[in-house]
Amino acid sequence: MIKNPIFLLCCLIFCLGCSTEPSKTYSLFIGTYTQGESEGIYRYTFDSQKGTLEDPQLAATLENPSFLKISADRNYLYSVSETAENEGSITGYLVSDGVLKEINTGISPGPAFCHIGISDDGHMLAASSYPGGSISIFRIDDQGALLQNPQQIDHKVLDTTKTSRAHSAQFTSDGLFVADLGLDAVKRYVQEGAEFVPAGQASLDLPEKAGPRHFAFSHDQKFLYVINELNSTITVFERQTNGNYAEVETQSTLAQDFEGKSYCADIHLSKDGRFLYGSNRGENTIVIFEVNSGSGKLTLVGREGVRGDWPRNFALDPTDAFLLVANQKSDNVTVFQRDNTTGTLEYLHEIKVSSPVCLEFLDL
């Protein structure tokens, strides 16, 4: 017989409250251009249940940290400094409890870098120079320090009629892939000894003035998705049994009734590989495709307005439940909730950040 039902009810409510899991938070680092109010790299705390960004802090003072990359072991963050000086520089930081502690800066002759790729073992970093048309491959020691005298790969010598614009690079189990916007190609390299040399399939060629900018691989590296800045398309390549890649299809990223100029920027796959996202600067949208796991082909789901101007980099949060967009010209980062069944996006809110251009989550 229950003598005190109110007491029992209170106990039940208390127990249910105790069983509720607290929200998990992640550090989000934002790279910016610093000609305006920004001073460098900023850190926010992201709540993975609410999708909110809180506790803004200046994580590092640096001129134009326009691209950031965290190592696979999550111990180090590296940033370009996109300046007009006649040298390219990469600054490395130790990440400790979400705080950045500068390690050192790697320098390479020639114009500034715009992108960073890091090998899975964390011992190599490929920095792309858009104005220089070249790649610099730095070695990284066991303490995360960048070693000087990187290997230089000059794309300017590859074509006498086009101007090389190396825009991004990624290490894979097959070597190093480099998207060159000016050469309309993705160049391939393999490691021989201490150096990288052209692979057997040295170039994945794209149409004239396609302008490959960034790219993403499926998890098994069977498919390669290249987003082309100048003609606003995504090209799908499939890896053949001999290790070469062959083109599957090309899809437009723009609405059929869009009028005006637009330039693609960034591209990401969801963790389950079912959906592919790309950013359109000008149309100011995120385009959404569903991926056929067998053929790699894309089916248009739709597009979502970014609630801002000039979406550069964007990122899926570590839970894959949210997508965040850095809108450079409107000085805001917008947050969308993602439906993992349909791939669609729903706008939630925004924060104000001066000239945001790169978003990088620390996933511990």
Protein backbone atom coordinates (compact mmCIF):
# COMPACT_ATOMS: atom_id res chain seq x y z
CA MET A 1 0.00 0.00 0.00
CA ILE A 2 1.42 3.43 -1.06
CA LYS A 3 1.21 5.74 1.93
CA ASN A 4 2.78 8.79 0.24
CA PRO A 5 2.10 8.93 -3.51
CA ILE A 6 3.42 12.51 -3.79
CA PHE A 7 6.78 11.42 -2.37
CA LEU A 8 6.91 8.48 -4.83
CA LEU A 9 6.11 10.78 -7.76
CA CYS A 10 8.87 13.19 -6.77
CA CYS A 11 11.36 10.33 -6.57
CA LEU A 12 10.36 9.14 -10.04
CA ILE A 13 10.76 12.60 -11.56
CA PHE A 14 14.15 12.96 -9.87
CA CYS A 15 15.36 9.62 -11.25
CA LEU A 16 14.17 10.44 -14.76
CA GLY A 17 16.00 13.73 -14.59
CA CYS A 18 19.20 12.00 -13.53
CA SER A 19 19.02 9.61 -16.49
CA THR A 20 18.91 12.42 -19.06
CA GLU A 21 22.24 12.60 -20.87
CA PRO A 22 23.88 16.03 -20.90
CA SER A 23 24.47 17.74 -24.23
CA LYS A 24 27.81 16.91 -25.80
CA THR A 25 29.81 19.91 -26.90
CA TYR A 26 32.54 20.33 -29.49
CA SER A 27 35.00 23.08 -30.31
CA LEU A 28 34.43 24.83 -33.63
CA PHE A 29 37.38 26.82 -35.01
CA ILE A 30 36.60 29.55 -37.53
CA GLY A 31 39.18 30.92 -39.96
CA THR A 32 38.62 34.47 -41.20
CA TYR A 33 39.94 37.31 -43.32
CA THR A 34 41.32 40.03 -41.07
CA GLN A 35 40.98 43.19 -43.18
CA GLY A 36 37.89 44.11 -41.13
CA GLU A 37 37.08 43.51 -37.47
CA SER A 38 38.45 39.96 -37.26
CA GLU A 39 41.81 39.31 -35.60
CA GLY A 40 42.45 35.69 -36.56
CA ILE A 41 41.16 32.25 -35.58
CA TYR A 42 38.07 32.09 -33.36
CA ARG A 43 36.80 29.25 -31.21
CA TYR A 44 33.14 28.57 -30.35
CA THR A 45 31.54 25.85 -28.26
CA PHE A 46 28.97 23.90 -30.28
CA ASP A 47 26.09 22.12 -28.50
CA SER A 48 25.31 18.95 -30.49
CA GLN A 49 21.75 18.67 -29.18
CA LYS A 50 20.63 22.28 -29.56
CA GLY A 51 22.83 23.25 -32.50
CA THR A 52 23.92 26.43 -30.71
CA LEU A 53 27.27 28.23 -30.85
CA GLU A 54 28.38 29.82 -27.60
CA ASP A 55 31.36 31.21 -25.70
CA PRO A 56 33.23 32.93 -28.57
CA GLN A 57 36.96 33.36 -28.00
CA LEU A 58 39.89 34.59 -30.04
CA ALA A 59 41.92 31.39 -30.26
CA ALA A 60 44.93 32.77 -32.16
CA THR A 61 45.93 36.14 -33.57
CA LEU A 62 46.98 35.58 -37.19
CA GLU A 63 46.68 37.49 -40.44
CA ASN A 64 44.10 36.03 -42.83
CA PRO A 65 43.85 32.45 -41.52
CA SER A 66 41.59 31.55 -44.45
CA PHE A 67 41.95 27.77 -44.25
CA LEU A 68 42.34 25.52 -41.21
CA LYS A 69 42.96 21.79 -40.89
CA ILE A 70 43.08 19.58 -37.79
CA SER A 71 45.26 16.46 -37.83
CA ALA A 72 43.62 13.02 -37.78
CA ASP A 73 44.75 12.40 -34.19
CA ARG A 74 43.08 15.73 -33.24
CA ASN A 75 46.24 16.96 -31.48
CA TYR A 76 47.26 19.70 -33.91
CA LEU A 77 45.68 22.48 -35.94
CA TYR A 78 47.41 24.06 -38.94
CA SER A 79 46.47 27.34 -40.59
CA VAL A 80 47.47 29.19 -43.72
CA SER A 81 48.16 32.90 -43.53
CA GLU A 82 46.94 34.25 -46.84
CA THR A 83 48.95 37.44 -47.22
CA ALA A 84 50.39 39.46 -50.09
CA GLU A 85 53.96 38.77 -48.97
CA ASN A 86 56.17 36.79 -51.36
CA GLU A 87 56.18 33.69 -49.20
CA GLY A 88 53.73 31.01 -48.21
CA SER A 89 53.41 30.26 -44.52
CA ILE A 90 51.69 27.60 -42.44
CA THR A 91 51.41 27.95 -38.66
CA GLY A 92 51.00 24.89 -36.48
CA TYR A 93 49.27 24.81 -33.09
CA LEU A 94 48.98 22.24 -30.33
CA VAL A 95 45.31 21.76 -29.42
CA SER A 96 45.00 21.34 -25.65
CA ASP A 97 41.52 21.38 -24.07
CA GLY A 98 40.30 23.40 -27.03
CA VAL A 99 43.08 25.99 -26.59
CA LEU A 100 45.62 26.67 -29.34
CA LYS A 101 49.30 26.84 -28.40
CA GLU A 102 51.57 27.90 -31.26
CA ILE A 103 54.32 25.44 -32.20
CA ASN A 104 56.05 26.98 -35.21
CA THR A 105 55.60 28.32 -38.74
CA GLY A 106 56.69 26.61 -41.92
CA ILE A 107 57.80 28.88 -44.77
CA SER A 108 57.94 28.19 -48.50
CA PRO A 109 59.16 30.55 -51.24
CA GLY A 110 56.43 31.96 -53.43
CA PRO A 111 52.92 33.35 -52.97
CA ALA A 112 50.56 32.51 -50.12
CA PHE A 113 48.72 29.24 -49.58
CA CYS A 114 44.94 28.74 -49.77
CA HIS A 115 44.45 25.11 -48.65
CA ILE A 116 45.95 22.39 -46.43
CA GLY A 117 45.85 18.61 -46.66
CA ILE A 118 47.34 16.37 -43.95
CA SER A 119 48.29 12.70 -44.26
CA ASP A 120 46.50 10.24 -41.96
CA ASP A 121 49.68 9.54 -40.01
CA GLY A 122 50.12 13.28 -39.41
CA HIS A 123 53.68 13.41 -40.75
CA MET A 124 53.07 15.18 -44.09
CA LEU A 125 51.24 18.38 -44.98
CA ALA A 126 50.45 19.52 -48.52
CA ALA A 127 49.89 23.27 -48.93
CA SER A 128 48.33 24.57 -52.16
CA SER A 129 49.27 27.96 -53.59
CA TYR A 130 46.59 29.38 -55.90
CA PRO A 131 48.59 32.42 -57.11
CA GLY A 132 51.82 30.40 -57.26
CA GLY A 133 50.38 27.40 -59.11
CA SER A 134 52.33 25.04 -56.88
CA ILE A 135 52.21 22.57 -53.99
CA SER A 136 54.58 22.54 -51.02
CA ILE A 137 54.88 19.27 -49.09
CA PHE A 138 56.09 19.79 -45.52
CA ARG A 139 57.31 17.07 -43.17
CA ILE A 140 55.95 17.16 -39.61
CA ASP A 141 57.88 15.84 -36.62
CA ASP A 142 56.47 13.87 -33.66
CA GLN A 143 55.74 17.11 -31.75
CA GLY A 144 53.67 18.58 -34.58
CA ALA A 145 56.37 20.99 -35.74
CA LEU A 146 56.65 21.79 -39.43
CA LEU A 147 60.10 21.05 -40.86
CA GLN A 148 61.59 23.57 -43.25
CA ASN A 149 62.65 23.04 -46.90
CA PRO A 150 59.44 21.41 -48.16
CA GLN A 151 59.29 19.59 -51.48
CA GLN A 152 58.04 21.92 -54.21
CA ILE A 153 55.78 20.66 -56.99
CA ASP A 154 55.46 23.30 -59.70
CA HIS A 155 52.34 23.03 -61.88
CA LYS A 156 53.26 26.05 -64.00
CA VAL A 157 55.57 23.87 -66.09
CA LEU A 158 52.80 21.39 -66.94
CA ASP A 159 50.99 23.57 -69.49
CA THR A 160 52.17 26.40 -71.72
CA THR A 161 48.70 27.66 -72.65
CA LYS A 162 46.94 27.67 -69.27
CA THR A 163 47.84 29.33 -65.96
CA SER A 164 48.11 26.88 -63.07
CA ARG A 165 45.93 27.61 -60.01
CA ALA A 166 46.52 24.84 -57.47
CA HIS A 167 43.52 25.01 -55.15
CA SER A 168 43.41 21.95 -52.89
CA ALA A 169 45.24 18.71 -52.12
CA GLN A 170 44.45 15.49 -50.26
CA PHE A 171 46.54 12.49 -49.27
CA THR A 172 44.96 9.07 -49.86
CA SER A 173 46.14 5.47 -49.79
CA ASP A 174 46.92 5.98 -53.51
CA GLY A 175 49.17 9.00 -52.94
CA LEU A 176 48.40 12.70 -53.34
CA PHE A 177 45.57 14.27 -55.37
CA VAL A 178 45.68 17.98 -56.32
CA ALA A 179 42.81 20.02 -57.82
CA ASP A 180 44.19 22.65 -60.20
CA LEU A 181 41.52 25.18 -61.18
CA GLY A 182 43.64 26.79 -63.90
CA LEU A 183 44.68 23.55 -65.58
CA ASP A 184 41.15 22.09 -65.40
CA ALA A 185 42.51 18.88 -63.93
CA VAL A 186 43.04 16.83 -60.82
CA LYS A 187 46.72 15.86 -60.76
CA ARG A 188 47.92 12.63 -59.12
CA TYR A 189 51.20 11.87 -57.37
CA VAL A 190 52.72 8.82 -55.67
CA GLN A 191 55.51 8.68 -53.12
CA GLU A 192 58.85 7.28 -54.21
CA GLY A 193 61.35 7.40 -51.37
CA ALA A 194 61.23 10.85 -49.81
CA GLU A 195 59.64 12.55 -52.84
CA PHE A 196 56.27 12.64 -54.59
CA VAL A 197 56.32 12.04 -58.35
CA PRO A 198 53.58 11.90 -61.02
CA ALA A 199 51.43 8.75 -60.80
CA GLY A 200 50.80 6.38 -63.66
CA GLN A 201 47.52 8.17 -64.25
CA ALA A 202 48.99 11.62 -63.81
CA SER A 203 45.90 13.69 -64.61
CA LEU A 204 42.12 13.49 -64.41
CA ASP A 205 41.13 16.00 -67.06
CA LEU A 206 37.97 18.11 -66.89
CA PRO A 207 36.31 20.31 -69.54
CA GLU A 208 37.81 23.65 -70.52
CA LYS A 209 37.11 26.29 -67.86
CA ALA A 210 35.45 23.86 -65.46
CA GLY A 211 37.78 25.05 -62.70
CA PRO A 212 38.09 22.14 -60.22
CA ARG A 213 38.37 23.63 -56.73
CA HIS A 214 37.75 21.06 -53.95
CA PHE A 215 36.93 17.35 -53.93
CA ALA A 216 35.69 14.55 -51.68
CA PHE A 217 36.19 10.79 -51.73
CA SER A 218 33.71 8.12 -50.74
CA HIS A 219 34.87 6.23 -47.65
CA ASP A 220 36.17 3.30 -49.70
CA GLN A 221 37.77 5.69 -52.25
CA LYS A 222 35.75 4.03 -55.01
CA PHE A 223 34.23 7.37 -56.01
CA LEU A 224 35.73 10.83 -56.29
CA TYR A 225 33.49 13.92 -56.34
CA VAL A 226 35.03 17.11 -57.76
CA ILE A 227 33.29 20.47 -57.40
CA ASN A 228 34.08 22.82 -60.29
CA GLU A 229 34.11 26.51 -59.41
CA LEU A 230 33.84 28.12 -62.83
CA ASN A 231 31.08 26.13 -64.54
CA SER A 232 29.17 25.29 -61.32
CA THR A 233 29.17 21.52 -61.65
CA ILE A 234 30.13 18.39 -59.73
CA THR A 235 31.94 15.64 -61.64
CA VAL A 236 31.90 12.04 -60.42
CA PHE A 237 34.83 9.70 -61.05
CA GLU A 238 34.94 5.96 -60.33
CA ARG A 239 38.07 4.04 -59.36
CA GLN A 240 38.79 1.17 -61.73
CA THR A 241 40.38 -2.17 -60.84
CA ASN A 242 43.74 -0.93 -62.14
CA GLY A 243 43.62 2.06 -59.77
CA ASN A 244 42.81 4.62 -62.45
CA TYR A 245 39.73 6.84 -62.22
CA ALA A 246 37.15 7.18 -65.02
CA GLU A 247 34.45 9.85 -65.31
CA VAL A 248 30.91 8.69 -64.48
CA GLU A 249 28.83 11.86 -64.87
CA THR A 250 28.67 15.61 -64.31
CA GLN A 251 25.77 17.41 -62.62
CA SER A 252 24.97 21.13 -62.43
CA THR A 253 24.81 22.67 -58.95
CA LEU A 254 22.54 25.57 -59.99
CA ALA A 255 18.79 25.87 -60.37
CA GLN A 256 17.67 25.82 -64.02
CA ASP A 257 16.04 29.24 -63.68
CA PHE A 258 18.99 30.91 -61.95
CA GLU A 259 20.28 33.98 -63.78
CA GLY A 260 23.54 35.66 -62.91
CA LYS A 261 27.05 34.65 -61.97
CA SER A 262 27.78 31.94 -59.43
CA TYR A 263 30.92 30.10 -58.38
CA CYS A 264 31.14 26.82 -56.50
CA ALA A 265 33.32 26.59 -53.41
CA ASP A 266 33.18 23.62 -51.01
CA ILE A 267 31.98 20.00 -51.08
CA HIS A 268 31.28 17.39 -48.37
CA LEU A 269 29.75 13.92 -48.06
CA SER A 270 27.64 12.89 -45.08
CA LYS A 271 29.33 10.28 -42.88
CA ASP A 272 27.06 7.51 -44.14
CA GLY A 273 27.93 8.47 -47.72
CA ARG A 274 24.26 8.84 -48.70
CA PHE A 275 24.21 12.59 -49.36
CA LEU A 276 26.56 15.04 -51.04
CA TYR A 277 26.52 18.80 -50.41
CA GLY A 278 28.10 21.68 -52.32
CA SER A 279 28.16 25.47 -51.89
CA ASN A 280 27.22 28.03 -54.56
CA ARG A 281 28.58 31.56 -54.20
CA GLY A 282 26.27 33.86 -56.13
CA GLU A 283 23.16 31.70 -56.06
CA ASN A 284 24.03 31.56 -52.32
CA THR A 285 22.77 28.04 -51.75
CA ILE A 286 23.82 24.62 -50.55
CA VAL A 287 22.93 22.06 -53.22
CA ILE A 288 21.92 18.60 -51.98
CA PHE A 289 22.34 15.33 -53.88
CA GLU A 290 21.50 11.77 -52.93
CA VAL A 291 24.30 9.32 -53.77
CA ASN A 292 23.71 5.93 -55.38
CA SER A 293 26.02 3.65 -53.41
CA GLY A 294 26.44 1.23 -56.32
CA SER A 295 27.08 3.58 -59.24
CA GLY A 296 28.16 6.72 -57.41
CA LYS A 297 25.67 8.72 -59.47
CA LEU A 298 23.87 11.72 -58.02
CA THR A 299 20.16 12.49 -57.80
CA LEU A 300 19.18 16.06 -57.01
CA VAL A 301 17.33 16.41 -53.70
CA GLY A 302 17.13 20.21 -53.75
CA ARG A 303 18.94 23.30 -52.53
CA GLU A 304 18.75 25.45 -49.44
CA GLY A 305 19.39 29.18 -49.27
CA VAL A 306 22.27 29.96 -46.92
CA ARG A 307 20.67 33.08 -45.35
CA GLY A 308 23.84 34.96 -46.17
CA ASP A 309 26.15 36.10 -48.95
CA TRP A 310 29.06 34.20 -50.51
CA PRO A 311 29.12 30.79 -48.79
CA ARG A 312 32.74 29.70 -48.76
CA ASN A 313 33.55 26.71 -46.60
CA PHE A 314 30.86 24.75 -44.78
CA ALA A 315 30.99 21.82 -42.37
CA LEU A 316 28.91 18.97 -41.02
CA ASP A 317 29.17 18.76 -37.24
CA PRO A 318 30.66 15.58 -35.65
CA THR A 319 27.17 14.10 -35.11
CA ASP A 320 26.18 14.74 -38.76
CA ALA A 321 22.94 16.27 -37.46
CA PHE A 322 23.82 19.87 -38.38
CA LEU A 323 25.40 21.72 -41.28
CA LEU A 324 27.10 25.09 -40.72
CA VAL A 325 27.93 27.61 -43.44
CA ALA A 326 30.57 30.37 -43.41
CA ASN A 327 29.14 33.32 -45.37
CA GLN A 328 32.10 35.56 -46.12
CA LYS A 329 30.46 38.74 -47.42
CA SER A 330 27.52 38.89 -44.98
CA ASP A 331 29.71 38.29 -41.90
CA ASN A 332 27.68 35.41 -40.51
CA VAL A 333 27.75 31.68 -39.86
CA THR A 334 24.38 30.01 -40.38
CA VAL A 335 23.30 26.77 -38.71
CA PHE A 336 20.99 24.20 -40.33
CA GLN A 337 19.54 21.02 -38.90
CA ARG A 338 20.03 18.05 -41.23
CA ASP A 339 17.50 15.28 -41.81
CA ASN A 340 19.63 12.14 -42.13
CA THR A 341 16.81 10.28 -43.90
CA THR A 342 16.11 12.81 -46.66
CA GLY A 343 19.33 14.85 -46.56
CA THR A 344 17.35 18.11 -46.45
CA LEU A 345 18.30 21.13 -44.35
CA GLU A 346 16.23 23.33 -42.03
CA TYR A 347 17.50 26.77 -41.01
CA LEU A 348 17.86 27.29 -37.27
CA HIS A 349 19.79 30.48 -36.54
CA GLU A 350 23.00 32.42 -37.16
CA ILE A 351 25.90 34.08 -35.40
CA LYS A 352 27.81 37.16 -36.48
CA VAL A 353 31.48 36.67 -37.38
CA SER A 354 33.57 39.11 -39.41
CA SER A 355 34.55 37.60 -42.81
CA PRO A 356 34.29 33.89 -41.91
CA VAL A 357 35.76 31.59 -44.57
CA CYS A 358 36.62 28.25 -42.95
CA LEU A 359 34.96 26.00 -40.35
CA GLU A 360 36.80 23.13 -38.62
CA PHE A 361 35.33 20.99 -35.85
CA LEU A 362 37.44 19.35 -33.15
CA ASP A 363 35.88 15.89 -32.79
CA LEU A 364 37.19 14.18 -29.66
